[in-house]
Amino acid sequence: MLDEMIELILEDAREHMDKTLAHLKAELNAIRAGRASPTMLQNVRVEYYGTNTPLNQMASVSAPQPDLIVVTPWDSSALQAVEKAIIAENLGLNPSNDGSIIRVPVPPLSEERRRDLVKSARKHGEDAKIAIRNIRRHAKDDIKSTQEEEHLSEDMRYLAEDKLQQATNDYVGKIDKILGRKEEEIMEV
């Protein structure tokens, strides 16, 4: 049976690991995989009246076809700024503006571009693993200091550290599975 303080530390570590996993999923959704998706433009920020505004807060973004994204700004005076922001995001997309909406054709991916996207996905995955390990390190330090402050047995500390390591291994495994699925999705022709 673990001490209440140590249980709280472990629960906090798991919450942070969940947030890291959610962040990784969001990052990977922004990486395009063959077909058009509104999430491809989720990181685009538009200079709008002197403020960097997320695209989804100033326009509707949809993918009516597998090879086309349509952006409809709510304020037609922002068309040029939206088009400029999509180009500046350097996604390999070439938007065209017809005066009321912006069409963004999504070209098929070349083999080289697919490999680059897989590298990018792996980098995001490695960053997530580093974040998980940092969470583990901080939680381990907290467990040790709690054990010393509360005068708990070393057996309790080692049990808590084992549980923490199990959680870390579980989350690293989840990251590997998510990455594997994303790599397959990217490489699928």
N, C-alpha and C. Protein backbone atom coordinates (compact mmCIF):
# COMPACT_ATOMS: atom_id res chain seq x y z
N MET A 1 0.85 -1.20 0.00
CA MET A 1 0.00 0.00 0.00
C MET A 1 0.88 1.24 0.00
N LEU A 2 0.64 2.11 -0.95
CA LEU A 2 1.43 3.33 -1.06
C LEU A 2 0.84 4.46 -0.23
N ASP A 3 1.71 5.35 0.18
CA ASP A 3 1.31 6.54 0.92
C ASP A 3 0.45 7.44 0.03
N GLU A 4 -0.45 8.20 0.64
CA GLU A 4 -1.36 9.06 -0.11
C GLU A 4 -0.60 10.11 -0.93
N MET A 5 0.45 10.69 -0.37
CA MET A 5 1.23 11.70 -1.09
C MET A 5 1.89 11.09 -2.33
N ILE A 6 2.41 9.89 -2.17
CA ILE A 6 3.07 9.23 -3.31
C ILE A 6 2.05 8.88 -4.38
N GLU A 7 0.86 8.45 -3.97
CA GLU A 7 -0.21 8.16 -4.94
C GLU A 7 -0.55 9.42 -5.74
N LEU A 8 -0.60 10.57 -5.06
CA LEU A 8 -0.88 11.84 -5.74
C LEU A 8 0.22 12.17 -6.74
N ILE A 9 1.46 11.93 -6.39
CA ILE A 9 2.58 12.19 -7.30
C ILE A 9 2.44 11.31 -8.54
N LEU A 10 2.13 10.02 -8.34
CA LEU A 10 1.98 9.11 -9.48
C LEU A 10 0.80 9.52 -10.36
N GLU A 11 -0.30 9.92 -9.74
CA GLU A 11 -1.48 10.35 -10.51
C GLU A 11 -1.16 11.61 -11.32
N ASP A 12 -0.45 12.54 -10.71
CA ASP A 12 -0.05 13.77 -11.41
C ASP A 12 0.86 13.44 -12.61
N ALA A 13 1.78 12.51 -12.41
CA ALA A 13 2.68 12.11 -13.50
C ALA A 13 1.86 11.51 -14.64
N ARG A 14 0.89 10.65 -14.33
CA ARG A 14 0.06 10.04 -15.38
C ARG A 14 -0.74 11.10 -16.13
N GLU A 15 -1.26 12.11 -15.41
CA GLU A 15 -2.01 13.19 -16.06
C GLU A 15 -1.11 13.94 -17.05
N HIS A 16 0.11 14.25 -16.62
CA HIS A 16 1.04 14.95 -17.51
C HIS A 16 1.39 14.09 -18.73
N MET A 17 1.54 12.79 -18.51
CA MET A 17 1.84 11.89 -19.62
C MET A 17 0.66 11.83 -20.59
N ASP A 18 -0.57 11.85 -20.07
CA ASP A 18 -1.76 11.89 -20.93
C ASP A 18 -1.77 13.16 -21.78
N LYS A 19 -1.42 14.29 -21.17
CA LYS A 19 -1.38 15.55 -21.91
C LYS A 19 -0.32 15.51 -23.00
N THR A 20 0.82 14.88 -22.70
CA THR A 20 1.88 14.76 -23.70
C THR A 20 1.39 13.93 -24.88
N LEU A 21 0.68 12.85 -24.59
CA LEU A 21 0.14 11.99 -25.64
C LEU A 21 -0.88 12.75 -26.49
N ALA A 22 -1.74 13.52 -25.85
CA ALA A 22 -2.75 14.31 -26.58
C ALA A 22 -2.06 15.34 -27.48
N HIS A 23 -1.01 15.95 -26.96
CA HIS A 23 -0.27 16.94 -27.76
C HIS A 23 0.36 16.27 -28.97
N LEU A 24 0.94 15.09 -28.78
CA LEU A 24 1.54 14.36 -29.90
C LEU A 24 0.50 14.06 -30.97
N LYS A 25 -0.68 13.60 -30.53
CA LYS A 25 -1.73 13.29 -31.49
C LYS A 25 -2.12 14.53 -32.30
N ALA A 26 -2.22 15.67 -31.63
CA ALA A 26 -2.56 16.91 -32.33
C ALA A 26 -1.47 17.29 -33.33
N GLU A 27 -0.21 17.14 -32.92
CA GLU A 27 0.91 17.45 -33.82
C GLU A 27 0.88 16.54 -35.04
N LEU A 28 0.63 15.25 -34.83
CA LEU A 28 0.63 14.30 -35.94
C LEU A 28 -0.56 14.51 -36.86
N ASN A 29 -1.69 14.97 -36.32
CA ASN A 29 -2.85 15.25 -37.17
C ASN A 29 -2.56 16.38 -38.15
N ALA A 30 -1.67 17.28 -37.78
CA ALA A 30 -1.34 18.40 -38.65
C ALA A 30 -0.44 17.97 -39.80
N ILE A 31 0.21 16.81 -39.66
CA ILE A 31 1.07 16.31 -40.75
C ILE A 31 0.16 15.64 -41.77
N ARG A 32 0.28 16.06 -43.00
CA ARG A 32 -0.63 15.54 -44.01
C ARG A 32 -0.23 14.15 -44.44
N ALA A 33 -1.22 13.37 -44.76
CA ALA A 33 -0.98 11.99 -45.17
C ALA A 33 -1.82 11.66 -46.39
N GLY A 34 -1.44 12.21 -47.53
CA GLY A 34 -2.10 11.81 -48.78
C GLY A 34 -3.38 12.52 -49.13
N ARG A 35 -4.27 12.66 -48.17
CA ARG A 35 -5.55 13.28 -48.51
C ARG A 35 -5.73 14.59 -47.75
N ALA A 36 -6.54 15.45 -48.31
CA ALA A 36 -6.78 16.76 -47.72
C ALA A 36 -7.55 16.63 -46.41
N SER A 37 -7.19 17.45 -45.44
CA SER A 37 -7.86 17.46 -44.16
C SER A 37 -7.77 18.88 -43.58
N PRO A 38 -8.85 19.38 -42.99
CA PRO A 38 -8.79 20.72 -42.40
C PRO A 38 -7.71 20.85 -41.32
N THR A 39 -7.35 19.73 -40.67
CA THR A 39 -6.32 19.80 -39.63
C THR A 39 -4.94 20.14 -40.20
N MET A 40 -4.78 20.00 -41.52
CA MET A 40 -3.50 20.36 -42.13
C MET A 40 -3.20 21.85 -41.93
N LEU A 41 -4.23 22.64 -41.78
CA LEU A 41 -4.06 24.09 -41.63
C LEU A 41 -4.26 24.56 -40.19
N GLN A 42 -4.30 23.63 -39.23
CA GLN A 42 -4.60 24.01 -37.85
C GLN A 42 -3.53 24.90 -37.22
N ASN A 43 -2.29 24.81 -37.68
CA ASN A 43 -1.22 25.63 -37.08
C ASN A 43 -1.01 26.96 -37.80
N VAL A 44 -1.81 27.22 -38.84
CA VAL A 44 -1.66 28.47 -39.60
C VAL A 44 -2.17 29.63 -38.76
N ARG A 45 -1.33 30.65 -38.65
CA ARG A 45 -1.73 31.86 -37.93
C ARG A 45 -1.69 33.03 -38.92
N VAL A 46 -2.74 33.83 -38.88
CA VAL A 46 -2.91 34.92 -39.82
C VAL A 46 -2.71 36.26 -39.12
N GLU A 47 -1.92 37.14 -39.73
CA GLU A 47 -1.75 38.51 -39.23
C GLU A 47 -3.03 39.26 -39.57
N TYR A 48 -3.87 39.49 -38.56
CA TYR A 48 -5.20 40.05 -38.78
C TYR A 48 -5.40 41.22 -37.83
N TYR A 49 -5.44 42.43 -38.36
CA TYR A 49 -5.54 43.65 -37.56
C TYR A 49 -4.49 43.70 -36.46
N GLY A 50 -3.25 43.36 -36.82
CA GLY A 50 -2.14 43.46 -35.89
C GLY A 50 -2.02 42.33 -34.89
N THR A 51 -2.85 41.30 -35.03
CA THR A 51 -2.83 40.18 -34.08
C THR A 51 -2.61 38.88 -34.85
N ASN A 52 -1.78 38.01 -34.31
CA ASN A 52 -1.61 36.67 -34.90
C ASN A 52 -2.80 35.82 -34.47
N THR A 53 -3.71 35.56 -35.40
CA THR A 53 -4.95 34.86 -35.11
C THR A 53 -4.93 33.47 -35.75
N PRO A 54 -5.31 32.42 -35.00
CA PRO A 54 -5.41 31.09 -35.62
C PRO A 54 -6.43 31.12 -36.75
N LEU A 55 -6.11 30.44 -37.84
CA LEU A 55 -6.98 30.44 -39.02
C LEU A 55 -8.39 29.98 -38.70
N ASN A 56 -8.52 28.94 -37.85
CA ASN A 56 -9.85 28.40 -37.56
C ASN A 56 -10.72 29.35 -36.74
N GLN A 57 -10.15 30.46 -36.23
CA GLN A 57 -10.94 31.44 -35.49
C GLN A 57 -11.42 32.59 -36.37
N MET A 58 -11.00 32.57 -37.64
CA MET A 58 -11.43 33.66 -38.51
C MET A 58 -11.96 33.18 -39.85
N ALA A 59 -12.04 31.86 -40.03
CA ALA A 59 -12.53 31.31 -41.29
C ALA A 59 -13.02 29.89 -41.07
N SER A 60 -13.90 29.46 -41.96
CA SER A 60 -14.29 28.04 -41.92
C SER A 60 -13.36 27.30 -42.88
N VAL A 61 -12.89 26.14 -42.42
CA VAL A 61 -11.96 25.34 -43.21
C VAL A 61 -12.61 23.98 -43.42
N SER A 62 -12.73 23.58 -44.70
CA SER A 62 -13.34 22.28 -44.99
C SER A 62 -12.58 21.57 -46.09
N ALA A 63 -12.81 20.28 -46.20
CA ALA A 63 -12.18 19.47 -47.25
C ALA A 63 -13.29 18.75 -48.01
N PRO A 64 -13.91 19.41 -48.99
CA PRO A 64 -15.03 18.80 -49.71
C PRO A 64 -14.61 17.64 -50.62
N GLN A 65 -13.33 17.60 -51.00
CA GLN A 65 -12.80 16.54 -51.85
C GLN A 65 -11.49 16.04 -51.24
N PRO A 66 -11.08 14.82 -51.59
CA PRO A 66 -9.83 14.29 -51.02
C PRO A 66 -8.58 15.07 -51.43
N ASP A 67 -8.69 15.89 -52.48
CA ASP A 67 -7.51 16.62 -52.94
C ASP A 67 -7.71 18.15 -52.90
N LEU A 68 -8.65 18.63 -52.05
CA LEU A 68 -8.92 20.07 -52.01
C LEU A 68 -9.35 20.50 -50.61
N ILE A 69 -8.79 21.62 -50.17
CA ILE A 69 -9.22 22.26 -48.92
C ILE A 69 -9.81 23.61 -49.32
N VAL A 70 -10.95 23.94 -48.73
CA VAL A 70 -11.60 25.22 -49.01
C VAL A 70 -11.61 26.05 -47.72
N VAL A 71 -11.08 27.28 -47.83
CA VAL A 71 -11.05 28.20 -46.70
C VAL A 71 -11.96 29.37 -47.03
N THR A 72 -12.94 29.60 -46.16
CA THR A 72 -13.88 30.71 -46.36
C THR A 72 -13.77 31.67 -45.18
N PRO A 73 -13.01 32.77 -45.35
CA PRO A 73 -12.90 33.75 -44.25
C PRO A 73 -14.25 34.43 -43.99
N TRP A 74 -14.52 34.70 -42.73
CA TRP A 74 -15.77 35.36 -42.38
C TRP A 74 -15.72 36.84 -42.76
N ASP A 75 -14.53 37.38 -42.84
CA ASP A 75 -14.34 38.76 -43.26
C ASP A 75 -13.59 38.73 -44.59
N SER A 76 -14.27 39.11 -45.67
CA SER A 76 -13.66 39.00 -47.00
C SER A 76 -12.42 39.88 -47.16
N SER A 77 -12.27 40.89 -46.32
CA SER A 77 -11.08 41.74 -46.42
C SER A 77 -9.83 41.00 -45.94
N ALA A 78 -10.00 39.86 -45.31
CA ALA A 78 -8.86 39.10 -44.80
C ALA A 78 -8.36 38.05 -45.80
N LEU A 79 -8.96 38.00 -46.99
CA LEU A 79 -8.57 36.98 -47.97
C LEU A 79 -7.07 36.99 -48.27
N GLN A 80 -6.54 38.16 -48.55
CA GLN A 80 -5.11 38.26 -48.89
C GLN A 80 -4.23 37.79 -47.74
N ALA A 81 -4.59 38.19 -46.52
CA ALA A 81 -3.79 37.83 -45.35
C ALA A 81 -3.83 36.32 -45.11
N VAL A 82 -4.99 35.70 -45.31
CA VAL A 82 -5.12 34.25 -45.13
C VAL A 82 -4.27 33.52 -46.17
N GLU A 83 -4.38 33.96 -47.41
CA GLU A 83 -3.61 33.34 -48.49
C GLU A 83 -2.11 33.45 -48.21
N LYS A 84 -1.68 34.61 -47.79
CA LYS A 84 -0.27 34.86 -47.47
C LYS A 84 0.20 33.96 -46.31
N ALA A 85 -0.66 33.80 -45.30
CA ALA A 85 -0.31 32.98 -44.14
C ALA A 85 -0.17 31.50 -44.51
N ILE A 86 -1.04 31.02 -45.40
CA ILE A 86 -0.96 29.61 -45.83
C ILE A 86 0.34 29.38 -46.60
N ILE A 87 0.71 30.32 -47.45
CA ILE A 87 1.97 30.20 -48.19
C ILE A 87 3.15 30.26 -47.22
N ALA A 88 3.10 31.18 -46.26
CA ALA A 88 4.20 31.37 -45.32
C ALA A 88 4.39 30.16 -44.40
N GLU A 89 3.35 29.36 -44.20
CA GLU A 89 3.45 28.19 -43.32
C GLU A 89 4.35 27.11 -43.93
N ASN A 90 4.64 27.23 -45.22
CA ASN A 90 5.58 26.34 -45.92
C ASN A 90 5.14 24.87 -45.84
N LEU A 91 3.89 24.62 -46.20
CA LEU A 91 3.35 23.27 -46.19
C LEU A 91 3.43 22.61 -47.56
N GLY A 92 3.99 23.32 -48.53
CA GLY A 92 4.05 22.78 -49.88
C GLY A 92 2.71 22.92 -50.59
N LEU A 93 1.89 23.85 -50.14
CA LEU A 93 0.57 24.07 -50.73
C LEU A 93 0.55 25.40 -51.45
N ASN A 94 -0.26 25.48 -52.53
CA ASN A 94 -0.33 26.69 -53.32
C ASN A 94 -1.79 27.16 -53.39
N PRO A 95 -2.21 28.02 -52.46
CA PRO A 95 -3.61 28.46 -52.45
C PRO A 95 -3.95 29.40 -53.60
N SER A 96 -5.22 29.36 -54.03
CA SER A 96 -5.68 30.30 -55.04
C SER A 96 -6.93 31.00 -54.51
N ASN A 97 -6.98 32.30 -54.72
CA ASN A 97 -8.01 33.16 -54.17
C ASN A 97 -8.93 33.59 -55.31
N ASP A 98 -10.24 33.35 -55.17
CA ASP A 98 -11.15 33.77 -56.24
C ASP A 98 -12.01 34.97 -55.85
N GLY A 99 -11.65 35.66 -54.76
CA GLY A 99 -12.37 36.85 -54.34
C GLY A 99 -13.33 36.60 -53.19
N SER A 100 -13.79 35.37 -53.00
CA SER A 100 -14.68 35.09 -51.88
C SER A 100 -14.20 33.90 -51.05
N ILE A 101 -13.55 32.94 -51.68
CA ILE A 101 -13.00 31.80 -50.95
C ILE A 101 -11.58 31.51 -51.44
N ILE A 102 -10.88 30.72 -50.66
CA ILE A 102 -9.54 30.30 -51.05
C ILE A 102 -9.57 28.80 -51.23
N ARG A 103 -9.15 28.38 -52.41
CA ARG A 103 -9.05 26.94 -52.69
C ARG A 103 -7.59 26.54 -52.54
N VAL A 104 -7.37 25.46 -51.81
CA VAL A 104 -6.01 24.97 -51.60
C VAL A 104 -5.94 23.54 -52.14
N PRO A 105 -5.46 23.38 -53.39
CA PRO A 105 -5.33 22.02 -53.91
C PRO A 105 -4.21 21.28 -53.19
N VAL A 106 -4.45 20.01 -52.88
CA VAL A 106 -3.46 19.20 -52.18
C VAL A 106 -2.88 18.21 -53.20
N PRO A 107 -1.64 18.47 -53.64
CA PRO A 107 -1.05 17.58 -54.64
C PRO A 107 -0.68 16.23 -54.03
N PRO A 108 -0.61 15.19 -54.85
CA PRO A 108 -0.18 13.89 -54.31
C PRO A 108 1.26 13.99 -53.83
N LEU A 109 1.59 13.21 -52.81
CA LEU A 109 2.92 13.27 -52.22
C LEU A 109 3.92 12.45 -53.03
N SER A 110 5.11 13.00 -53.20
CA SER A 110 6.18 12.24 -53.83
C SER A 110 6.80 11.32 -52.77
N GLU A 111 7.55 10.33 -53.21
CA GLU A 111 8.20 9.39 -52.29
C GLU A 111 9.13 10.15 -51.34
N GLU A 112 9.87 11.11 -51.88
CA GLU A 112 10.81 11.89 -51.06
C GLU A 112 10.07 12.70 -50.00
N ARG A 113 8.97 13.32 -50.39
CA ARG A 113 8.18 14.12 -49.45
C ARG A 113 7.58 13.22 -48.36
N ARG A 114 7.16 12.02 -48.74
CA ARG A 114 6.62 11.08 -47.74
C ARG A 114 7.69 10.75 -46.70
N ARG A 115 8.92 10.51 -47.17
CA ARG A 115 10.00 10.20 -46.24
C ARG A 115 10.27 11.38 -45.31
N ASP A 116 10.22 12.59 -45.86
CA ASP A 116 10.41 13.79 -45.03
C ASP A 116 9.32 13.89 -43.96
N LEU A 117 8.09 13.58 -44.35
CA LEU A 117 6.98 13.64 -43.39
C LEU A 117 7.13 12.57 -42.31
N VAL A 118 7.63 11.39 -42.69
CA VAL A 118 7.87 10.33 -41.70
C VAL A 118 8.95 10.79 -40.72
N LYS A 119 10.01 11.45 -41.25
CA LYS A 119 11.06 11.97 -40.36
C LYS A 119 10.49 12.99 -39.39
N SER A 120 9.63 13.85 -39.90
CA SER A 120 9.00 14.87 -39.06
C SER A 120 8.14 14.21 -37.98
N ALA A 121 7.38 13.18 -38.36
CA ALA A 121 6.54 12.47 -37.39
C ALA A 121 7.41 11.81 -36.32
N ARG A 122 8.52 11.21 -36.75
CA ARG A 122 9.42 10.56 -35.79
C ARG A 122 10.02 11.58 -34.83
N LYS A 123 10.33 12.78 -35.34
CA LYS A 123 10.88 13.82 -34.48
C LYS A 123 9.85 14.22 -33.41
N HIS A 124 8.59 14.37 -33.82
CA HIS A 124 7.54 14.69 -32.85
C HIS A 124 7.41 13.56 -31.83
N GLY A 125 7.52 12.31 -32.30
CA GLY A 125 7.44 11.17 -31.39
C GLY A 125 8.60 11.15 -30.40
N GLU A 126 9.80 11.45 -30.90
CA GLU A 126 10.97 11.48 -30.01
C GLU A 126 10.84 12.60 -28.98
N ASP A 127 10.32 13.76 -29.41
CA ASP A 127 10.09 14.86 -28.47
C ASP A 127 9.10 14.44 -27.38
N ALA A 128 8.06 13.69 -27.78
CA ALA A 128 7.07 13.23 -26.80
C ALA A 128 7.71 12.25 -25.82
N LYS A 129 8.58 11.36 -26.32
CA LYS A 129 9.26 10.40 -25.44
C LYS A 129 10.16 11.13 -24.45
N ILE A 130 10.85 12.16 -24.93
CA ILE A 130 11.71 12.96 -24.04
C ILE A 130 10.85 13.62 -22.96
N ALA A 131 9.69 14.15 -23.35
CA ALA A 131 8.80 14.78 -22.37
C ALA A 131 8.33 13.75 -21.33
N ILE A 132 8.01 12.53 -21.78
CA ILE A 132 7.58 11.47 -20.86
C ILE A 132 8.71 11.17 -19.87
N ARG A 133 9.94 11.06 -20.39
CA ARG A 133 11.08 10.75 -19.51
C ARG A 133 11.33 11.89 -18.51
N ASN A 134 11.14 13.13 -18.95
CA ASN A 134 11.30 14.27 -18.03
C ASN A 134 10.24 14.23 -16.94
N ILE A 135 9.02 13.87 -17.30
CA ILE A 135 7.95 13.74 -16.31
C ILE A 135 8.34 12.67 -15.30
N ARG A 136 8.86 11.54 -15.81
CA ARG A 136 9.29 10.45 -14.91
C ARG A 136 10.38 10.94 -13.96
N ARG A 137 11.35 11.68 -14.48
CA ARG A 137 12.46 12.16 -13.65
C ARG A 137 11.95 13.08 -12.54
N HIS A 138 11.06 14.01 -12.91
CA HIS A 138 10.52 14.93 -11.89
C HIS A 138 9.70 14.17 -10.84
N ALA A 139 8.90 13.21 -11.29
CA ALA A 139 8.08 12.44 -10.35
C ALA A 139 8.98 11.60 -9.43
N LYS A 140 10.06 11.05 -9.99
CA LYS A 140 10.98 10.25 -9.18
C LYS A 140 11.64 11.12 -8.10
N ASP A 141 12.03 12.34 -8.48
CA ASP A 141 12.60 13.28 -7.50
C ASP A 141 11.59 13.60 -6.41
N ASP A 142 10.33 13.82 -6.82
CA ASP A 142 9.27 14.13 -5.84
C ASP A 142 9.03 12.95 -4.90
N ILE A 143 9.06 11.74 -5.45
CA ILE A 143 8.86 10.54 -4.61
C ILE A 143 9.97 10.44 -3.58
N LYS A 144 11.21 10.67 -4.03
CA LYS A 144 12.35 10.56 -3.11
C LYS A 144 12.26 11.61 -2.00
N SER A 145 11.95 12.85 -2.37
CA SER A 145 11.87 13.90 -1.35
C SER A 145 10.69 13.65 -0.40
N THR A 146 9.57 13.15 -0.92
CA THR A 146 8.42 12.83 -0.06
C THR A 146 8.78 11.71 0.91
N GLN A 147 9.50 10.71 0.41
CA GLN A 147 9.90 9.60 1.28
C GLN A 147 10.77 10.10 2.42
N GLU A 148 11.68 11.03 2.11
CA GLU A 148 12.56 11.57 3.15
C GLU A 148 11.80 12.46 4.13
N GLU A 149 10.91 13.31 3.61
CA GLU A 149 10.15 14.22 4.47
C GLU A 149 9.16 13.49 5.36
N GLU A 150 8.50 12.47 4.82
CA GLU A 150 7.46 11.74 5.57
C GLU A 150 8.04 10.56 6.35
N HIS A 151 9.34 10.34 6.23
CA HIS A 151 10.02 9.22 6.89
C HIS A 151 9.36 7.89 6.53
N LEU A 152 9.15 7.68 5.23
CA LEU A 152 8.54 6.44 4.74
C LEU A 152 9.63 5.41 4.48
N SER A 153 9.24 4.16 4.37
CA SER A 153 10.22 3.09 4.14
C SER A 153 10.75 3.17 2.71
N GLU A 154 11.97 2.66 2.53
CA GLU A 154 12.56 2.63 1.19
C GLU A 154 11.78 1.68 0.29
N ASP A 155 11.20 0.62 0.88
CA ASP A 155 10.41 -0.33 0.10
C ASP A 155 9.25 0.39 -0.59
N MET A 156 8.63 1.33 0.12
CA MET A 156 7.51 2.08 -0.45
C MET A 156 8.01 2.93 -1.62
N ARG A 157 9.16 3.55 -1.44
CA ARG A 157 9.73 4.36 -2.51
C ARG A 157 10.02 3.50 -3.74
N TYR A 158 10.63 2.33 -3.52
CA TYR A 158 10.95 1.47 -4.65
C TYR A 158 9.70 0.96 -5.35
N LEU A 159 8.66 0.66 -4.58
CA LEU A 159 7.39 0.23 -5.17
C LEU A 159 6.80 1.35 -6.03
N ALA A 160 6.85 2.57 -5.51
CA ALA A 160 6.33 3.71 -6.26
C ALA A 160 7.14 3.94 -7.53
N GLU A 161 8.47 3.82 -7.43
CA GLU A 161 9.32 4.01 -8.61
C GLU A 161 9.06 2.92 -9.65
N ASP A 162 8.76 1.70 -9.19
CA ASP A 162 8.41 0.62 -10.13
C ASP A 162 7.12 0.96 -10.86
N LYS A 163 6.12 1.44 -10.12
CA LYS A 163 4.85 1.82 -10.75
C LYS A 163 5.06 2.95 -11.75
N LEU A 164 5.91 3.90 -11.38
CA LEU A 164 6.22 5.03 -12.27
C LEU A 164 6.89 4.53 -13.54
N GLN A 165 7.81 3.60 -13.41
CA GLN A 165 8.51 3.05 -14.57
C GLN A 165 7.54 2.28 -15.47
N GLN A 166 6.59 1.55 -14.85
CA GLN A 166 5.58 0.83 -15.64
C GLN A 166 4.73 1.82 -16.45
N ALA A 167 4.33 2.91 -15.81
CA ALA A 167 3.54 3.92 -16.51
C ALA A 167 4.35 4.52 -17.65
N THR A 168 5.62 4.81 -17.39
CA THR A 168 6.49 5.37 -18.42
C THR A 168 6.58 4.41 -19.61
N ASN A 169 6.81 3.13 -19.33
CA ASN A 169 6.90 2.14 -20.40
C ASN A 169 5.61 2.04 -21.19
N ASP A 170 4.46 2.11 -20.49
CA ASP A 170 3.16 2.06 -21.17
C ASP A 170 3.00 3.23 -22.14
N TYR A 171 3.35 4.43 -21.67
CA TYR A 171 3.18 5.61 -22.52
C TYR A 171 4.15 5.62 -23.68
N VAL A 172 5.38 5.16 -23.47
CA VAL A 172 6.34 5.07 -24.58
C VAL A 172 5.82 4.06 -25.61
N GLY A 173 5.24 2.97 -25.14
CA GLY A 173 4.64 1.98 -26.04
C GLY A 173 3.48 2.57 -26.84
N LYS A 174 2.64 3.38 -26.18
CA LYS A 174 1.53 4.04 -26.88
C LYS A 174 2.06 4.98 -27.95
N ILE A 175 3.13 5.72 -27.62
CA ILE A 175 3.73 6.64 -28.60
C ILE A 175 4.22 5.85 -29.81
N ASP A 176 4.89 4.72 -29.56
CA ASP A 176 5.39 3.91 -30.67
C ASP A 176 4.25 3.41 -31.56
N LYS A 177 3.12 2.99 -30.94
CA LYS A 177 1.98 2.52 -31.72
C LYS A 177 1.39 3.64 -32.57
N ILE A 178 1.23 4.82 -31.96
CA ILE A 178 0.67 5.97 -32.69
C ILE A 178 1.58 6.33 -33.86
N LEU A 179 2.89 6.34 -33.60
CA LEU A 179 3.85 6.66 -34.66
C LEU A 179 3.80 5.62 -35.78
N GLY A 180 3.71 4.36 -35.41
CA GLY A 180 3.65 3.30 -36.42
C GLY A 180 2.45 3.47 -37.34
N ARG A 181 1.29 3.78 -36.74
CA ARG A 181 0.08 4.00 -37.54
C ARG A 181 0.24 5.21 -38.45
N LYS A 182 0.83 6.28 -37.92
CA LYS A 182 0.99 7.49 -38.72
C LYS A 182 1.96 7.26 -39.88
N GLU A 183 3.04 6.52 -39.62
CA GLU A 183 4.01 6.23 -40.68
C GLU A 183 3.36 5.41 -41.79
N GLU A 184 2.55 4.41 -41.41
CA GLU A 184 1.85 3.61 -42.42
C GLU A 184 0.91 4.50 -43.23
N GLU A 185 0.21 5.40 -42.54
CA GLU A 185 -0.74 6.30 -43.20
C GLU A 185 -0.01 7.21 -44.19
N ILE A 186 1.16 7.71 -43.79
CA ILE A 186 1.92 8.60 -44.67
C ILE A 186 2.47 7.84 -45.88
N MET A 187 2.99 6.66 -45.66
CA MET A 187 3.64 5.91 -46.74
C MET A 187 2.63 5.23 -47.68
N GLU A 188 1.37 5.15 -47.25
CA GLU A 188 0.34 4.53 -48.10
C GLU A 188 0.12 5.37 -49.35
N VAL A 189 0.16 4.73 -50.50
CA VAL A 189 0.01 5.45 -51.76
C VAL A 189 -1.43 5.40 -52.23
